[in-house]
N, C-alpha and C. Protein backbone atom coordinates (compact mmCIF):
# COMPACT_ATOMS: atom_id res chain seq x y z
N MET A 1 84.23 208.97 -137.93
CA MET A 1 83.26 209.85 -138.03
C MET A 1 83.91 211.41 -137.52
N ASN A 2 83.71 212.33 -138.02
CA ASN A 2 84.42 213.79 -137.51
C ASN A 2 83.04 214.20 -136.89
N PRO A 3 83.05 214.90 -135.79
CA PRO A 3 82.06 215.54 -135.13
C PRO A 3 81.79 216.53 -136.10
N PRO A 4 80.69 217.34 -136.10
CA PRO A 4 80.32 218.64 -136.65
C PRO A 4 81.14 220.10 -136.57
N SER A 5 81.89 220.58 -137.58
CA SER A 5 82.40 221.81 -137.36
C SER A 5 81.72 222.81 -136.24
N ASP A 6 80.13 222.60 -136.43
CA ASP A 6 79.08 223.52 -135.45
C ASP A 6 78.94 223.07 -134.58
N PRO A 7 79.15 223.06 -133.30
CA PRO A 7 78.24 222.36 -132.17
C PRO A 7 76.74 222.41 -132.01
N ALA A 8 76.20 223.61 -132.58
CA ALA A 8 75.18 223.69 -132.43
C ALA A 8 74.37 222.73 -133.28
N ALA A 9 74.96 222.23 -134.06
CA ALA A 9 74.28 221.29 -134.77
C ALA A 9 74.17 220.01 -134.46
N LEU A 10 74.47 219.93 -133.11
CA LEU A 10 74.41 218.64 -132.37
C LEU A 10 72.91 218.67 -131.59
N PHE A 11 72.23 219.77 -131.25
CA PHE A 11 70.99 219.97 -130.83
C PHE A 11 70.32 220.16 -131.97
N VAL A 12 68.78 219.95 -132.30
CA VAL A 12 68.06 220.34 -132.87
C VAL A 12 66.99 220.82 -131.76
N PHE A 13 66.52 221.75 -131.88
CA PHE A 13 65.25 222.86 -131.08
C PHE A 13 64.35 222.88 -132.21
N PRO A 14 63.10 222.87 -131.40
CA PRO A 14 61.90 223.28 -131.84
C PRO A 14 62.23 224.88 -132.49
N ALA A 15 61.04 225.46 -133.26
CA ALA A 15 61.01 226.64 -133.84
C ALA A 15 60.28 227.59 -132.48
N PRO A 16 60.73 228.60 -132.41
CA PRO A 16 59.41 229.43 -131.42
C PRO A 16 58.19 229.06 -131.47
N GLY A 17 57.47 228.65 -130.00
CA GLY A 17 56.36 228.88 -130.28
C GLY A 17 55.90 227.26 -130.77
N CYS A 18 56.87 226.46 -131.10
CA CYS A 18 56.40 224.90 -131.44
C CYS A 18 56.64 223.93 -130.41
N TRP A 19 57.17 224.38 -128.79
CA TRP A 19 57.27 223.51 -128.08
C TRP A 19 56.20 222.96 -127.64
N PRO A 20 56.27 221.56 -126.69
CA PRO A 20 55.09 221.21 -126.14
C PRO A 20 54.31 221.96 -125.42
N TRP A 21 54.49 222.93 -124.63
CA TRP A 21 54.23 223.89 -123.50
C TRP A 21 53.06 225.03 -124.70
N ASP A 22 53.78 225.16 -125.60
CA ASP A 22 52.97 226.15 -126.71
C ASP A 22 52.04 225.29 -127.26
N ASP A 23 52.23 224.31 -127.90
CA ASP A 23 50.90 223.19 -128.09
C ASP A 23 49.66 222.97 -127.68
N TRP A 24 50.23 222.86 -126.06
CA TRP A 24 49.37 222.72 -125.07
C TRP A 24 48.74 223.93 -124.49
N GLN A 25 49.29 225.11 -124.45
CA GLN A 25 48.65 226.34 -124.04
C GLN A 25 47.44 226.71 -125.43
N ARG A 26 47.72 226.15 -126.80
CA ARG A 26 47.11 226.58 -127.75
C ARG A 26 45.58 225.79 -127.69
N LEU A 27 46.24 224.21 -126.97
CA LEU A 27 44.79 222.94 -127.04
C LEU A 27 44.13 223.64 -125.42
N ALA A 28 44.48 224.08 -124.87
CA ALA A 28 43.78 224.73 -123.89
C ALA A 28 43.13 225.88 -123.94
N LEU A 29 43.57 226.45 -124.57
CA LEU A 29 42.51 227.83 -124.80
C LEU A 29 41.59 227.55 -126.07
N GLU A 30 41.77 226.39 -126.96
CA GLU A 30 40.62 226.25 -127.61
C GLU A 30 39.91 225.14 -126.92
N ARG A 31 40.18 224.36 -126.22
CA ARG A 31 38.64 223.66 -124.88
C ARG A 31 38.31 224.63 -124.14
N GLY A 32 38.66 226.08 -123.85
CA GLY A 32 37.65 227.13 -123.55
C GLY A 32 38.82 227.63 -122.26
N LEU A 33 39.92 227.07 -121.92
CA LEU A 33 40.30 227.44 -120.74
C LEU A 33 40.62 228.65 -120.47
N ALA A 34 40.39 229.35 -119.44
CA ALA A 34 40.64 230.54 -119.31
C ALA A 34 42.35 230.95 -119.78
N PRO A 35 42.46 232.31 -120.16
CA PRO A 35 43.90 232.39 -120.75
C PRO A 35 44.80 232.69 -119.73
N ASP A 36 44.11 233.38 -118.56
CA ASP A 36 45.59 233.20 -117.34
C ASP A 36 45.73 231.99 -117.07
N LEU A 37 44.93 231.14 -116.96
CA LEU A 37 44.86 229.15 -116.61
C LEU A 37 45.68 228.90 -117.55
N ALA A 38 45.61 229.19 -118.97
CA ALA A 38 46.20 228.77 -119.91
C ALA A 38 47.63 228.94 -120.08
N ALA A 39 48.06 230.24 -119.47
CA ALA A 39 49.51 230.54 -119.50
C ALA A 39 50.11 230.04 -118.21
N LEU A 40 49.25 230.07 -117.24
CA LEU A 40 49.83 229.12 -116.02
C LEU A 40 50.32 227.72 -116.07
N GLY A 41 49.55 227.16 -116.88
CA GLY A 41 49.66 225.55 -117.15
C GLY A 41 51.12 225.25 -118.41
N ARG A 42 51.16 226.78 -119.36
CA ARG A 42 52.24 226.53 -120.11
C ARG A 42 53.75 226.97 -119.44
N SER A 43 53.47 227.64 -118.27
CA SER A 43 54.78 227.96 -117.74
C SER A 43 55.24 226.86 -116.76
N LEU A 44 54.07 226.40 -116.21
CA LEU A 44 54.46 224.90 -115.43
C LEU A 44 55.04 224.09 -116.59
N MET A 45 54.85 223.49 -117.39
CA MET A 45 55.29 222.67 -118.03
C MET A 45 56.72 223.02 -118.49
N ARG A 46 56.78 223.93 -118.98
CA ARG A 46 58.46 224.40 -119.81
C ARG A 46 59.16 224.42 -118.05
N GLU A 47 58.83 224.97 -116.81
CA GLU A 47 59.68 224.98 -115.56
C GLU A 47 60.21 223.30 -115.84
N ALA A 48 58.79 222.49 -115.43
CA ALA A 48 59.24 221.08 -114.88
C ALA A 48 60.09 220.60 -115.74
N ASP A 49 60.00 221.04 -117.55
CA ASP A 49 61.12 220.41 -118.40
C ASP A 49 62.40 221.12 -118.09
N GLN A 50 62.53 222.72 -118.10
CA GLN A 50 63.81 223.12 -117.95
C GLN A 50 64.47 223.08 -116.94
N HIS A 51 63.75 223.04 -115.87
CA HIS A 51 64.08 222.75 -114.60
C HIS A 51 65.08 221.67 -113.84
N GLY A 52 64.31 220.35 -114.65
CA GLY A 52 64.79 219.33 -114.32
C GLY A 52 64.04 218.49 -113.29
N TRP A 53 62.66 218.71 -112.77
CA TRP A 53 61.95 218.47 -111.69
C TRP A 53 61.77 217.24 -111.90
N CYS A 54 61.26 216.59 -110.41
CA CYS A 54 61.31 214.90 -110.31
C CYS A 54 60.57 214.56 -111.42
N GLU A 55 60.43 213.32 -111.73
CA GLU A 55 59.46 212.75 -112.64
C GLU A 55 58.20 212.82 -112.25
N ARG A 56 57.81 212.51 -110.81
CA ARG A 56 56.55 212.62 -109.98
C ARG A 56 55.97 214.12 -110.67
N LEU A 57 56.37 215.20 -110.71
CA LEU A 57 56.16 216.36 -110.64
C LEU A 57 56.18 216.70 -112.19
N ARG A 58 57.04 216.17 -113.21
CA ARG A 58 57.41 216.51 -114.46
C ARG A 58 55.82 215.54 -115.19
N SER A 59 55.38 214.58 -114.31
CA SER A 59 53.93 214.05 -114.91
C SER A 59 52.90 214.76 -114.74
N GLU A 60 52.68 215.41 -113.64
CA GLU A 60 51.92 216.33 -112.95
C GLU A 60 51.35 217.36 -113.70
N CYS A 61 52.56 217.97 -114.46
CA CYS A 61 52.59 219.29 -115.15
C CYS A 61 52.75 218.91 -117.01
N GLY A 62 52.46 217.74 -116.81
CA GLY A 62 52.09 217.02 -118.30
C GLY A 62 53.20 216.69 -119.35
N LEU A 63 54.31 216.46 -119.09
CA LEU A 63 55.32 216.05 -119.82
C LEU A 63 55.38 214.65 -119.90
N HIS A 64 54.51 213.69 -119.51
CA HIS A 64 54.48 212.62 -119.95
C HIS A 64 53.09 212.17 -120.92
N ASP A 65 52.05 213.01 -120.89
CA ASP A 65 50.53 212.81 -121.74
C ASP A 65 50.24 213.95 -122.44
N ALA A 66 51.17 214.92 -122.82
CA ALA A 66 50.88 216.20 -123.54
C ALA A 66 50.07 216.75 -122.77
N GLY A 67 50.29 216.70 -121.45
CA GLY A 67 49.32 217.90 -120.42
C GLY A 67 47.82 217.38 -120.72
N ARG A 68 47.64 216.27 -121.02
CA ARG A 68 45.78 215.94 -121.16
C ARG A 68 45.34 215.84 -119.52
N ALA A 69 46.01 215.38 -118.57
CA ALA A 69 45.56 215.39 -117.16
C ALA A 69 45.59 216.51 -116.51
N MET A 70 46.02 217.46 -116.53
CA MET A 70 46.57 218.63 -116.29
C MET A 70 45.27 219.48 -117.01
N LEU A 71 45.34 219.63 -118.25
CA LEU A 71 44.06 220.30 -118.72
C LEU A 71 42.83 219.56 -117.92
N ALA A 72 42.55 218.18 -118.05
CA ALA A 72 41.31 218.52 -117.27
C ALA A 72 40.80 218.53 -116.15
N ARG A 73 42.40 218.64 -115.13
CA ARG A 73 42.08 218.54 -114.01
C ARG A 73 41.75 220.58 -113.82
N LEU A 74 42.56 221.36 -114.91
CA LEU A 74 42.05 222.47 -114.57
C LEU A 74 40.62 223.19 -115.19
N LEU A 75 39.92 222.24 -116.42
CA LEU A 75 38.55 222.67 -116.54
C LEU A 75 37.89 222.32 -115.50
N ALA A 76 38.20 221.06 -114.91
CA ALA A 76 37.19 220.61 -114.01
C ALA A 76 37.46 221.19 -112.56
N HIS A 77 38.68 221.81 -112.20
CA HIS A 77 38.72 222.34 -110.72
C HIS A 77 39.61 223.54 -110.97
N PRO A 78 39.11 224.40 -111.37
CA PRO A 78 40.41 225.67 -112.00
C PRO A 78 40.57 226.24 -110.96
N ARG A 79 40.06 226.60 -109.77
CA ARG A 79 40.63 227.30 -108.85
C ARG A 79 41.65 226.33 -107.62
N ARG A 80 41.13 225.00 -107.82
CA ARG A 80 42.09 224.00 -106.63
C ARG A 80 43.51 223.56 -107.71
N THR A 81 43.20 223.25 -108.89
CA THR A 81 44.24 223.06 -109.81
C THR A 81 45.01 224.31 -109.70
N ALA A 82 44.83 225.35 -110.07
CA ALA A 82 45.61 226.82 -110.20
C ALA A 82 46.72 227.04 -108.77
N ALA A 83 45.99 226.60 -107.85
CA ALA A 83 46.49 227.17 -106.61
C ALA A 83 48.02 225.84 -106.19
N ARG A 84 47.37 224.76 -106.60
CA ARG A 84 48.64 223.71 -106.76
C ARG A 84 49.60 223.88 -107.43
N LEU A 85 49.24 223.88 -109.23
CA LEU A 85 50.59 225.11 -110.18
C LEU A 85 51.14 226.12 -109.37
N THR A 86 50.26 227.12 -108.92
CA THR A 86 51.29 228.13 -108.36
C THR A 86 51.94 227.93 -106.85
N TRP A 87 51.45 227.02 -106.54
CA TRP A 87 52.72 226.14 -105.48
C TRP A 87 53.70 225.93 -106.06
N LEU A 88 53.48 224.79 -106.90
CA LEU A 88 54.76 224.27 -107.48
C LEU A 88 55.68 225.51 -108.19
N TYR A 89 55.06 226.12 -108.80
CA TYR A 89 55.98 227.25 -109.39
C TYR A 89 56.44 228.16 -108.31
N ALA A 90 56.38 228.32 -107.46
CA ALA A 90 56.66 229.43 -106.37
C ALA A 90 57.49 228.56 -105.52
N THR A 91 57.59 227.28 -105.40
CA THR A 91 59.00 226.42 -104.63
C THR A 91 59.68 225.63 -106.33
N ASP A 92 59.69 226.08 -106.98
CA ASP A 92 60.36 225.60 -108.27
C ASP A 92 60.29 223.86 -107.99
N GLY A 93 59.19 223.29 -107.84
CA GLY A 93 58.66 222.09 -108.28
C GLY A 93 59.48 221.19 -106.76
N LEU A 94 59.19 222.03 -105.67
CA LEU A 94 59.06 221.50 -104.54
C LEU A 94 60.90 221.28 -104.19
N ARG A 95 61.46 222.37 -104.53
CA ARG A 95 62.74 222.39 -103.90
C ARG A 95 63.50 223.19 -103.38
N PHE A 96 62.81 224.46 -103.53
CA PHE A 96 62.92 225.56 -102.92
C PHE A 96 61.69 226.58 -102.03
N ASP A 97 61.95 226.41 -100.70
CA ASP A 97 60.61 227.27 -99.56
C ASP A 97 60.45 228.75 -100.43
N PRO A 98 59.63 228.85 -100.89
CA PRO A 98 59.39 230.40 -101.17
C PRO A 98 59.43 231.48 -100.25
N TRP A 99 59.96 231.43 -99.63
CA TRP A 99 60.38 232.71 -98.21
C TRP A 99 61.84 232.58 -98.08
N GLU A 100 62.25 231.64 -97.84
CA GLU A 100 63.87 231.98 -97.45
C GLU A 100 64.62 231.57 -98.63
N ARG A 101 63.89 230.68 -99.47
CA ARG A 101 64.70 229.80 -100.46
C ARG A 101 65.60 228.77 -100.17
N ASN A 102 65.37 227.78 -98.76
CA ASN A 102 66.36 227.09 -98.52
C ASN A 102 65.80 225.68 -99.30
N GLU A 103 66.89 224.78 -99.78
CA GLU A 103 66.58 223.76 -100.28
C GLU A 103 66.21 222.67 -99.77
N PHE A 104 65.07 221.93 -100.11
CA PHE A 104 64.57 220.60 -99.92
C PHE A 104 64.54 219.63 -101.31
N TYR A 105 64.47 218.35 -100.49
CA TYR A 105 64.06 217.09 -101.60
C TYR A 105 62.24 217.35 -101.54
N PRO A 106 61.94 217.31 -103.00
CA PRO A 106 60.85 217.30 -103.60
C PRO A 106 59.93 216.32 -102.57
N ASP A 107 60.50 215.03 -101.88
CA ASP A 107 59.59 214.03 -100.73
C ASP A 107 59.99 214.44 -99.15
N SER A 108 60.40 215.62 -98.87
CA SER A 108 60.81 216.03 -97.49
C SER A 108 59.12 216.19 -97.02
N PRO A 109 59.55 215.70 -95.69
CA PRO A 109 58.10 216.11 -94.97
C PRO A 109 57.58 217.38 -94.48
N CYS A 110 58.52 218.05 -94.64
CA CYS A 110 58.40 219.60 -94.46
C CYS A 110 57.11 220.30 -95.38
N TRP A 111 57.17 220.00 -96.72
CA TRP A 111 56.19 220.52 -97.71
C TRP A 111 54.71 220.72 -97.16
N LYS A 112 54.16 219.78 -96.54
CA LYS A 112 53.28 219.74 -95.89
C LYS A 112 52.73 220.97 -94.94
N ALA A 113 53.45 221.39 -93.95
CA ALA A 113 53.59 222.66 -92.91
C ALA A 113 53.72 223.71 -93.92
N MET A 114 54.77 223.51 -94.57
CA MET A 114 55.13 225.06 -95.71
C MET A 114 53.65 225.21 -96.17
N ARG A 115 52.93 224.22 -97.22
CA ARG A 115 51.77 224.23 -98.01
C ARG A 115 50.69 225.14 -97.38
N LEU A 116 50.82 224.35 -95.82
CA LEU A 116 49.45 225.00 -94.93
C LEU A 116 49.86 226.59 -94.66
N LYS A 117 51.20 226.61 -94.61
CA LYS A 117 51.60 228.33 -94.50
C LYS A 117 51.28 229.41 -95.45
N TRP A 118 51.87 228.74 -96.62
CA TRP A 118 51.44 229.11 -98.22
C TRP A 118 49.62 229.47 -98.59
N ASN A 119 49.08 228.15 -97.75
CA ASN A 119 47.80 228.92 -98.12
C ASN A 119 47.18 229.87 -97.19
N ARG A 120 47.30 229.62 -95.73
CA ARG A 120 47.09 230.78 -95.29
C ARG A 120 47.51 232.03 -95.67
N GLU A 121 48.66 232.38 -96.15
CA GLU A 121 49.21 233.50 -96.75
C GLU A 121 48.35 233.95 -98.12
N GLN A 122 47.87 233.17 -98.66
CA GLN A 122 47.56 233.44 -100.07
C GLN A 122 45.81 233.79 -99.57
N GLN A 123 45.41 233.13 -98.69
CA GLN A 123 43.75 233.29 -98.29
C GLN A 123 43.79 234.93 -97.85
N ARG A 124 44.81 235.37 -96.79
CA ARG A 124 44.78 236.54 -96.44
C ARG A 124 45.05 237.57 -97.48
N GLU A 125 46.08 237.21 -98.40
CA GLU A 125 45.87 238.39 -99.43
C GLU A 125 44.77 238.47 -100.31
N ALA A 126 44.01 237.12 -100.64
CA ALA A 126 42.84 237.52 -101.51
C ALA A 126 41.72 238.36 -100.55
N SER A 127 41.65 237.66 -99.21
CA SER A 127 40.60 238.97 -98.78
C SER A 127 41.00 239.91 -98.18
N SER A 128 41.89 240.60 -98.59
CA SER A 128 42.66 241.71 -97.96
C SER A 128 42.02 242.75 -99.08
N PRO A 129 41.85 243.98 -98.39
CA PRO A 129 40.94 245.09 -99.79
C PRO A 129 42.35 245.16 -100.51
N THR A 130 42.06 245.53 -102.06
CA THR A 130 43.22 246.07 -102.50
C THR A 130 43.26 247.53 -102.53
N THR A 131 44.44 248.31 -102.79
CA THR A 131 44.28 249.70 -103.00
C THR A 131 45.01 250.23 -103.79
N SER A 132 44.83 251.30 -104.51
CA SER A 132 45.46 252.07 -105.65
C SER A 132 45.86 253.15 -105.33
N ASN A 133 46.99 253.68 -105.94
CA ASN A 133 47.94 254.42 -105.74
C ASN A 133 47.45 255.59 -106.65
N LYS A 134 46.01 256.21 -106.47
CA LYS A 134 45.18 257.23 -107.53
C LYS A 134 45.34 258.62 -106.37
């Protein structure tokens, strides 16, 4: 058998807007999830797949159950779940620290201390008054 003359013919990709994370976002919005949280969940599903996150995090981000568990968590505990998803996004799936971008394994014990530091910084940012440039 001869290979196809067009290398792109070896790969079949969904049409734009038809990826699993796009389907998940539409479902999340239909179920009443806030648009910003639906966008965050969609981004995480995509990142987990496109960046080759470990299987545990791929599962957490919905790639093994069409996002049903992640959607249930976001609907039941939106702030806590959004904080976790934002952390995963900032660390690219527990691979890089969000400050210096040093690389670590997802199961490294250093993540606990870094997450505590991250939480403190997020709380400080949330409680500081916002200023505008008017």
